Amino acid sequence: MRATQAYLVLYNALQGCGWAAVVVQLVRGALDKGSADGATAAAMAGLRAAMPIVSFVQLVGLMEMMHVAVGLVRGSLPAAMLQAFGRNIVWFCFAVALFTPEAMGFAPPKRGNYLEEVDGVWPAVVLAFAWALAEICRYPFYVTEQFGATPSFLKYLRYTGFIVLYPLGATAEATVLMRGLTKVAMLQWFNCPIAIGGFEFFFVFQTFVHIVAPPGYLAGFPMIYLYMLRRRRSALREGPRYEKIKDAHTPAQLERVDKFIEDANGDVVAFIYGSRREGSVTAAKPFGESWCPDCTTAFPIIEPRLKSLPPTTIVLDLPVDRSPYKGLEPFSKVHPLKEHPSILLERVPTLLYLQRNGPGSRTRFDRYALVEEECHVEEDVAALLSAAWKKEQ
């Protein structure tokens, strides 16, 4: 195991344990208080017990922006920043500040707490529960992913739990923010003069929230939620991710090939063959005919097996036209796939298996290939593709 993998295992395991402790403290604090003083008093006891742990894991979670920025994990840096800063503003500037203002350096009220005054206790409890349950689904999945052996139930939870928990958490966030904003503004918390170079202005926290919160929730929530739903469909589908890329000799399509290889979560299988003749696919010839006779022979041997590969595999279907492949006019140059560092096309057909060189590796692969007549031997094709199934199991 490489140092980066060990670090990610340790980080994700600690975060998962931290969020599990949040659930335990929320429940234990409420049970210790009991129901004699009322449900809200029990909720406040649970929140008080869990708040230091939530604060800790939230601050440590800022590291995830660095993970994306330096390439330790794949992801969108703007999305990571939006989620990290949005959650921390709601948690520290509203939930923590209103519930335990002394922890943020502010004077507490003479009686009770500000969060209770604005009816924000229950939304804050729901917020902490929703975050914790979502992260308990997420971090163990990341740990097992580093070992390349994720249990199916954990994968299902990772890509299903958010369907309920993400809207629940976002609604609780917005409720805490809306109920607490007037109180925070009245107390004039977080307002301060700022000087940048020769320009000075007075920062008003309430105005800042009014500017950033509406687009953050109205635009950011649907964008992230729909993205996660797309990820779910992709992660939980039965077959492999199948991408057909025509005209891979053009820069735009070659860039697509690079992106799919670089962003692959698992192994990559590429089938490069001579493109089919137009109208050659018929009921009598379901696999059609290629300008390359060896490719026509390989179609019924290879293509049915490709569609039954595990879902972690990306299958690149790369038909090449005769003129670009042979460098004929007007394509009088070497076909780009022949010089591609991962594909290194020699002849068609080629069945290529790029096996990821260790969990978490982004672009390092072990390369295995069958070329021309080798693609006609069913035992060799089955042996090459079975490596993906062995790795999946």
Protein backbone atom coordinates (compact mmCIF):
# COMPACT_ATOMS: atom_id res chain seq x y z
CA MET A 1 0.00 0.00 0.00
CA ARG A 2 1.37 3.39 -1.01
CA ALA A 3 1.69 6.26 1.45
CA THR A 4 -1.18 8.17 -0.19
CA GLN A 5 -3.48 5.16 0.08
CA ALA A 6 -2.56 4.65 3.73
CA TYR A 7 -3.27 8.32 4.41
CA LEU A 8 -6.69 8.16 2.71
CA VAL A 9 -7.59 4.97 4.60
CA LEU A 10 -6.65 6.62 7.90
CA TYR A 11 -8.41 9.90 7.09
CA ASN A 12 -11.66 8.28 5.95
CA ALA A 13 -11.68 5.79 8.84
CA LEU A 14 -11.24 8.58 11.40
CA GLN A 15 -13.95 10.70 9.80
CA GLY A 16 -16.33 7.74 9.69
CA CYS A 17 -15.69 7.00 13.37
CA GLY A 18 -16.17 10.68 14.21
CA TRP A 19 -19.57 10.86 12.57
CA ALA A 20 -20.61 7.58 14.19
CA ALA A 21 -19.68 9.14 17.54
CA VAL A 22 -21.96 12.08 16.68
CA VAL A 23 -24.96 9.75 16.38
CA VAL A 24 -24.03 8.01 19.64
CA GLN A 25 -23.71 11.32 21.49
CA LEU A 26 -26.96 12.71 20.11
CA VAL A 27 -28.82 9.62 21.31
CA ARG A 28 -26.94 9.19 24.59
CA GLY A 29 -27.27 12.85 25.55
CA ALA A 30 -31.01 12.78 24.96
CA LEU A 31 -31.44 9.51 26.86
CA ASP A 32 -29.37 10.72 29.80
CA LYS A 33 -31.53 13.82 30.08
CA GLY A 34 -34.69 11.77 29.87
CA SER A 35 -38.14 12.95 28.82
CA ALA A 36 -39.20 14.35 32.20
CA ASP A 37 -38.06 17.85 31.24
CA GLY A 38 -39.63 17.66 27.81
CA ALA A 39 -38.52 16.63 24.33
CA THR A 40 -36.78 19.94 23.57
CA ALA A 41 -34.66 19.68 26.74
CA ALA A 42 -33.64 16.14 25.74
CA ALA A 43 -32.81 17.34 22.22
CA MET A 44 -30.66 20.16 23.64
CA ALA A 45 -28.80 17.68 25.84
CA GLY A 46 -28.04 15.48 22.84
CA LEU A 47 -26.98 18.49 20.77
CA ARG A 48 -24.70 19.78 23.54
CA ALA A 49 -23.02 16.36 23.80
CA ALA A 50 -22.52 15.99 20.04
CA MET A 51 -21.60 19.58 19.14
CA PRO A 52 -17.84 19.39 19.91
CA ILE A 53 -17.47 16.25 17.78
CA VAL A 54 -19.43 17.73 14.86
CA SER A 55 -17.27 20.85 15.05
CA PHE A 56 -14.08 18.78 15.00
CA VAL A 57 -15.00 16.55 12.04
CA GLN A 58 -16.35 19.55 10.13
CA LEU A 59 -13.03 21.37 10.49
CA VAL A 60 -11.03 18.27 9.58
CA GLY A 61 -13.34 17.85 6.58
CA LEU A 62 -11.86 21.01 5.07
CA MET A 63 -8.93 18.77 4.09
CA GLU A 64 -11.13 17.31 1.36
CA MET A 65 -10.69 20.48 -0.68
CA MET A 66 -6.94 19.88 -0.58
CA HIS A 67 -7.44 16.23 -1.56
CA VAL A 68 -9.23 17.32 -4.74
CA ALA A 69 -6.84 20.22 -5.44
CA VAL A 70 -3.69 18.05 -5.33
CA GLY A 71 -5.28 15.11 -7.15
CA LEU A 72 -5.46 12.61 -4.28
CA VAL A 73 -9.11 12.00 -5.17
CA ARG A 74 -11.24 12.82 -8.17
CA GLY A 75 -13.87 15.50 -7.83
CA SER A 76 -14.88 19.07 -8.53
CA LEU A 77 -12.96 21.65 -6.49
CA PRO A 78 -15.72 24.32 -6.76
CA ALA A 79 -18.33 21.79 -5.56
CA ALA A 80 -16.07 20.70 -2.69
CA MET A 81 -15.51 24.34 -1.67
CA LEU A 82 -19.22 25.17 -1.92
CA GLN A 83 -20.20 22.27 0.32
CA ALA A 84 -17.37 22.74 2.84
CA PHE A 85 -17.75 26.48 3.35
CA GLY A 86 -21.56 26.38 3.21
CA ARG A 87 -21.81 23.71 5.87
CA ASN A 88 -19.24 25.35 8.12
CA ILE A 89 -20.90 28.75 7.92
CA VAL A 90 -24.27 27.27 8.90
CA TRP A 91 -22.76 25.17 11.67
CA PHE A 92 -20.35 27.60 13.31
CA CYS A 93 -22.01 30.97 12.61
CA PHE A 94 -25.51 29.82 13.49
CA ALA A 95 -25.82 26.47 15.30
CA VAL A 96 -22.70 26.79 17.49
CA ALA A 97 -22.80 30.57 17.93
CA LEU A 98 -26.46 30.66 18.93
CA PHE A 99 -26.33 27.55 21.14
CA THR A 100 -22.98 28.15 22.86
CA PRO A 101 -21.98 31.76 22.04
CA GLU A 102 -19.16 31.66 24.58
CA ALA A 103 -17.42 29.05 22.40
CA MET A 104 -17.28 31.65 19.60
CA GLY A 105 -16.15 34.46 21.93
CA PHE A 106 -19.58 36.08 22.33
CA ALA A 107 -21.51 36.87 25.50
CA PRO A 108 -24.24 34.33 26.32
CA PRO A 109 -27.82 35.40 27.15
CA LYS A 110 -28.81 35.78 30.76
CA ARG A 111 -31.11 32.77 30.52
CA GLY A 112 -31.27 29.79 28.18
CA ASN A 113 -29.64 30.08 24.75
CA TYR A 114 -30.30 31.99 21.56
CA LEU A 115 -30.89 28.85 19.49
CA GLU A 116 -33.84 27.92 21.68
CA GLU A 117 -35.18 31.48 21.42
CA VAL A 118 -35.41 31.26 17.64
CA ASP A 119 -36.86 27.69 17.65
CA GLY A 120 -33.67 26.36 16.07
CA VAL A 121 -32.91 23.45 18.40
CA TRP A 122 -34.81 20.76 16.52
CA PRO A 123 -33.59 21.86 13.06
CA ALA A 124 -30.00 21.78 14.41
CA VAL A 125 -30.53 18.27 15.78
CA VAL A 126 -32.01 17.09 12.48
CA LEU A 127 -29.10 18.76 10.69
CA ALA A 128 -26.50 16.92 12.79
CA PHE A 129 -28.34 13.59 12.39
CA ALA A 130 -28.69 13.96 8.62
CA TRP A 131 -25.06 14.90 8.17
CA ALA A 132 -23.87 12.08 10.42
CA LEU A 133 -25.95 9.36 8.75
CA ALA A 134 -24.90 10.52 5.28
CA GLU A 135 -21.22 10.51 6.23
CA ILE A 136 -21.51 7.10 7.91
CA CYS A 137 -22.61 5.81 4.49
CA ARG A 138 -19.84 7.69 2.69
CA TYR A 139 -16.58 7.27 4.61
CA PRO A 140 -16.59 3.46 5.10
CA PHE A 141 -17.22 3.19 1.34
CA TYR A 142 -14.10 5.29 0.69
CA VAL A 143 -12.05 3.10 3.04
CA THR A 144 -13.02 -0.14 1.30
CA GLU A 145 -12.52 1.49 -2.10
CA GLN A 146 -8.82 1.95 -1.30
CA PHE A 147 -8.53 -1.82 -0.86
CA GLY A 148 -10.48 -2.50 -4.07
CA ALA A 149 -13.04 -4.64 -2.23
CA THR A 150 -16.24 -2.73 -1.52
CA PRO A 151 -19.17 -4.84 -0.21
CA SER A 152 -22.26 -4.47 -2.37
CA PHE A 153 -24.46 -3.35 0.55
CA LEU A 154 -22.00 -0.56 1.40
CA LYS A 155 -21.93 0.58 -2.20
CA TYR A 156 -25.73 0.59 -2.27
CA LEU A 157 -25.89 2.68 0.92
CA ARG A 158 -23.30 5.11 -0.44
CA TYR A 159 -25.30 5.77 -3.57
CA THR A 160 -28.80 5.54 -2.06
CA GLY A 161 -28.74 7.12 1.41
CA PHE A 162 -28.28 10.62 0.03
CA ILE A 163 -31.66 10.46 -1.76
CA VAL A 164 -33.39 11.18 1.56
CA LEU A 165 -30.55 12.49 3.72
CA TYR A 166 -29.26 15.20 1.36
CA PRO A 167 -32.63 17.03 1.01
CA LEU A 168 -33.26 16.52 4.73
CA GLY A 169 -29.89 18.03 5.63
CA ALA A 170 -30.26 20.92 3.18
CA THR A 171 -33.74 21.73 4.51
CA ALA A 172 -32.45 21.67 8.10
CA GLU A 173 -29.50 23.90 7.11
CA ALA A 174 -31.80 26.45 5.50
CA THR A 175 -34.14 26.38 8.50
CA VAL A 176 -31.33 26.99 11.00
CA LEU A 177 -30.01 29.79 8.82
CA MET A 178 -33.37 31.53 8.30
CA ARG A 179 -34.45 31.28 11.94
CA GLY A 180 -31.10 32.43 13.28
CA LEU A 181 -30.17 35.19 10.82
CA THR A 182 -32.31 37.92 12.40
CA LYS A 183 -30.88 37.17 15.86
CA VAL A 184 -27.29 37.12 14.57
CA ALA A 185 -27.91 40.43 12.76
CA MET A 186 -29.48 41.99 15.86
CA LEU A 187 -26.46 40.97 17.96
CA GLN A 188 -24.16 42.33 15.19
CA TRP A 189 -22.00 39.22 15.21
CA PHE A 190 -19.33 38.73 12.54
CA ASN A 191 -19.58 42.36 11.31
CA CYS A 192 -16.18 43.98 10.92
CA PRO A 193 -14.21 46.58 8.94
CA ILE A 194 -12.00 45.14 6.18
CA ALA A 195 -9.11 46.85 4.40
CA ILE A 196 -7.70 45.40 1.17
CA GLY A 197 -4.85 47.44 -0.19
CA GLY A 198 -6.10 51.00 -0.18
CA PHE A 199 -9.76 50.00 -0.27
CA GLU A 200 -11.74 49.86 2.98
CA PHE A 201 -15.29 48.74 3.61
CA PHE A 202 -17.45 47.45 6.46
CA PHE A 203 -18.41 43.79 6.19
CA VAL A 204 -22.03 43.12 7.22
CA PHE A 205 -22.59 39.40 7.77
CA GLN A 206 -26.36 39.59 7.24
CA THR A 207 -25.89 41.20 3.82
CA PHE A 208 -23.29 38.59 2.90
CA VAL A 209 -25.71 35.76 3.77
CA HIS A 210 -28.53 37.43 1.83
CA ILE A 211 -26.25 37.55 -1.23
CA VAL A 212 -24.73 34.05 -1.15
CA ALA A 213 -27.42 31.86 0.46
CA PRO A 214 -30.25 32.09 -2.11
CA PRO A 215 -28.14 31.11 -5.14
CA GLY A 216 -26.26 28.58 -3.01
CA TYR A 217 -29.45 26.70 -2.13
CA LEU A 218 -31.64 27.45 -5.16
CA ALA A 219 -28.93 26.73 -7.74
CA GLY A 220 -26.34 24.70 -5.85
CA PHE A 221 -28.69 22.13 -4.32
CA PRO A 222 -30.38 21.00 -7.59
CA MET A 223 -27.01 20.94 -9.38
CA ILE A 224 -25.31 18.75 -6.76
CA TYR A 225 -28.37 16.55 -6.21
CA LEU A 226 -28.85 15.83 -9.92
CA TYR A 227 -25.13 15.13 -10.25
CA MET A 228 -25.35 12.62 -7.39
CA LEU A 229 -28.36 10.94 -9.02
CA ARG A 230 -26.37 10.55 -12.24
CA ARG A 231 -23.48 9.09 -10.27
CA ARG A 232 -25.91 6.66 -8.63
CA ARG A 233 -27.24 5.42 -11.97
CA SER A 234 -23.70 4.95 -13.21
CA ALA A 235 -22.42 3.22 -10.05
CA LEU A 236 -25.34 0.82 -9.57
CA ARG A 237 -25.97 -0.26 -13.14
CA GLU A 238 -25.56 -3.97 -13.87
CA GLY A 239 -23.20 -3.86 -16.83
CA PRO A 240 -20.02 -1.91 -17.52
CA ARG A 241 -19.97 1.71 -18.59
CA TYR A 242 -19.98 1.45 -22.36
CA GLU A 243 -18.60 4.38 -24.36
CA LYS A 244 -18.51 4.35 -28.13
CA ILE A 245 -16.19 6.99 -29.56
CA LYS A 246 -16.06 7.42 -33.31
CA ASP A 247 -13.42 9.46 -35.18
CA ALA A 248 -10.81 9.02 -32.44
CA HIS A 249 -8.28 10.54 -34.86
CA THR A 250 -9.77 14.01 -34.25
CA PRO A 251 -8.51 16.09 -31.28
CA ALA A 252 -11.94 16.42 -29.65
CA GLN A 253 -12.66 12.68 -29.71
CA LEU A 254 -9.12 11.79 -28.68
CA GLU A 255 -9.59 14.09 -25.68
CA ARG A 256 -12.71 12.07 -24.76
CA VAL A 257 -10.64 8.88 -24.85
CA ASP A 258 -8.06 10.47 -22.53
CA LYS A 259 -10.75 11.68 -20.13
CA PHE A 260 -12.46 8.29 -19.81
CA ILE A 261 -9.15 6.56 -19.14
CA GLU A 262 -8.02 9.18 -16.63
CA ASP A 263 -11.35 9.40 -14.77
CA ALA A 264 -12.01 5.65 -14.67
CA ASN A 265 -12.87 4.35 -11.19
CA GLY A 266 -11.85 0.83 -12.20
CA ASP A 267 -10.16 -0.93 -15.08
CA VAL A 268 -10.53 -0.02 -18.76
CA VAL A 269 -11.18 -2.39 -21.65
CA ALA A 270 -10.77 -0.98 -25.16
CA PHE A 271 -11.87 -2.69 -28.35
CA ILE A 272 -10.31 -1.03 -31.39
CA TYR A 273 -11.52 -2.32 -34.74
CA GLY A 274 -12.21 -1.31 -38.30
CA SER A 275 -15.52 0.52 -38.57
CA ARG A 276 -18.53 -1.35 -39.92
CA ARG A 277 -19.69 -0.91 -43.48
CA GLU A 278 -22.88 1.12 -43.67
CA GLY A 279 -25.98 -1.09 -43.78
CA SER A 280 -24.02 -4.28 -43.00
CA VAL A 281 -25.90 -4.98 -39.75
CA THR A 282 -28.89 -7.17 -40.63
CA ALA A 283 -30.98 -9.88 -38.99
CA ALA A 284 -28.81 -12.48 -40.72
CA LYS A 285 -25.59 -10.67 -39.73
CA PRO A 286 -26.28 -9.03 -36.35
CA PHE A 287 -22.64 -8.04 -35.84
CA GLY A 288 -22.25 -6.54 -39.32
CA GLU A 289 -19.15 -6.40 -41.49
CA SER A 290 -16.01 -4.29 -41.21
CA TRP A 291 -13.67 -3.09 -43.92
CA CYS A 292 -11.18 -5.24 -41.95
CA PRO A 293 -11.93 -9.01 -42.37
CA ASP A 294 -10.15 -9.92 -39.11
CA CYS A 295 -12.41 -7.47 -37.26
CA THR A 296 -15.55 -9.03 -38.76
CA THR A 297 -14.40 -12.42 -37.45
CA ALA A 298 -13.69 -10.97 -34.01
CA PHE A 299 -17.07 -9.22 -33.53
CA PRO A 300 -19.15 -12.24 -32.39
CA ILE A 301 -16.34 -13.50 -30.17
CA ILE A 302 -15.56 -10.27 -28.32
CA GLU A 303 -18.63 -8.02 -28.25
CA PRO A 304 -21.02 -10.29 -26.28
CA ARG A 305 -18.36 -10.70 -23.59
CA LEU A 306 -17.79 -6.96 -23.29
CA LYS A 307 -21.39 -6.31 -22.29
CA SER A 308 -21.16 -8.77 -19.38
CA LEU A 309 -18.12 -7.20 -17.72
CA PRO A 310 -18.44 -5.90 -14.13
CA PRO A 311 -19.92 -2.42 -13.57
CA THR A 312 -16.63 -0.99 -12.31
CA THR A 313 -15.14 -1.44 -15.79
CA ILE A 314 -15.22 1.16 -18.55
CA VAL A 315 -15.48 -0.29 -22.05
CA LEU A 316 -14.20 1.96 -24.82
CA ASP A 317 -15.65 0.97 -28.19
CA LEU A 318 -13.29 2.55 -30.73
CA PRO A 319 -14.13 2.00 -34.40
CA VAL A 320 -11.51 3.41 -36.78
CA ASP A 321 -12.16 4.35 -40.39
CA ARG A 322 -9.88 2.87 -43.05
CA SER A 323 -8.37 6.08 -44.44
CA PRO A 324 -7.25 7.63 -41.12
CA TYR A 325 -6.00 4.24 -39.91
CA LYS A 326 -3.87 3.63 -43.00
CA GLY A 327 -2.78 7.26 -43.30
CA LEU A 328 -4.37 7.71 -46.72
CA GLU A 329 -5.25 11.11 -48.16
CA PRO A 330 -6.42 13.45 -46.75
CA PHE A 331 -5.27 11.83 -43.48
CA SER A 332 -1.61 11.50 -44.45
CA LYS A 333 -0.25 11.12 -40.92
CA VAL A 334 0.08 8.49 -38.22
CA HIS A 335 -3.21 7.67 -36.54
CA PRO A 336 -3.18 9.25 -33.03
CA LEU A 337 -4.20 5.96 -31.37
CA LYS A 338 -0.92 4.45 -32.58
CA GLU A 339 0.96 7.04 -30.54
CA HIS A 340 -1.39 7.17 -27.58
CA PRO A 341 0.66 6.27 -24.44
CA SER A 342 -1.98 3.88 -23.04
CA ILE A 343 -3.39 2.36 -26.24
CA LEU A 344 -0.31 2.08 -28.51
CA LEU A 345 -2.39 0.68 -31.37
CA GLU A 346 -0.41 -1.58 -33.73
CA ARG A 347 -3.05 -3.32 -35.81
CA VAL A 348 -6.80 -3.92 -35.83
CA PRO A 349 -8.56 -5.60 -34.26
CA THR A 350 -7.00 -5.00 -30.85
CA LEU A 351 -8.58 -6.00 -27.54
CA LEU A 352 -6.86 -4.03 -24.81
CA TYR A 353 -7.18 -4.49 -21.05
CA LEU A 354 -5.79 -1.69 -18.87
CA GLN A 355 -5.69 -2.98 -15.30
CA ARG A 356 -5.42 -0.26 -12.68
CA ASN A 357 -2.08 -0.54 -10.95
CA GLY A 358 -3.32 -0.52 -7.34
CA PRO A 359 -6.43 0.96 -5.74
CA GLY A 360 -6.65 4.73 -5.93
CA SER A 361 -4.20 4.99 -8.85
CA ARG A 362 -5.44 7.45 -11.42
CA THR A 363 -3.44 6.92 -14.58
CA ARG A 364 -1.06 3.99 -13.91
CA PHE A 365 -2.19 0.78 -15.60
CA ASP A 366 -0.80 -2.64 -16.42
CA ARG A 367 -1.39 -3.19 -20.14
CA TYR A 368 -2.50 -6.48 -21.73
CA ALA A 369 -3.50 -6.87 -25.38
CA LEU A 370 -4.67 -9.32 -28.04
CA VAL A 371 -3.96 -8.29 -31.63
CA GLU A 372 -5.38 -9.43 -35.00
CA GLU A 373 -5.79 -13.24 -35.14
CA GLU A 374 -5.30 -13.46 -31.36
CA CYS A 375 -8.78 -11.91 -31.08
CA HIS A 376 -10.22 -14.94 -32.87
CA VAL A 377 -9.27 -17.39 -30.11
CA GLU A 378 -12.21 -17.59 -27.71
CA GLU A 379 -10.13 -19.04 -24.87
CA ASP A 380 -7.62 -16.17 -25.07
CA VAL A 381 -10.36 -13.53 -25.16
CA ALA A 382 -12.11 -15.12 -22.20
CA ALA A 383 -8.83 -15.35 -20.27
CA LEU A 384 -8.00 -11.69 -20.88
CA LEU A 385 -11.43 -10.42 -19.82
CA SER A 386 -11.70 -12.79 -16.86
CA ALA A 387 -9.02 -10.74 -15.10
CA ALA A 388 -11.65 -8.02 -14.61
CA TRP A 389 -14.02 -10.48 -12.95
CA LYS A 390 -11.29 -11.91 -10.72
CA LYS A 391 -10.38 -8.41 -9.58
CA GLU A 392 -14.05 -7.58 -8.96
CA GLN A 393 -14.48 -10.62 -6.73
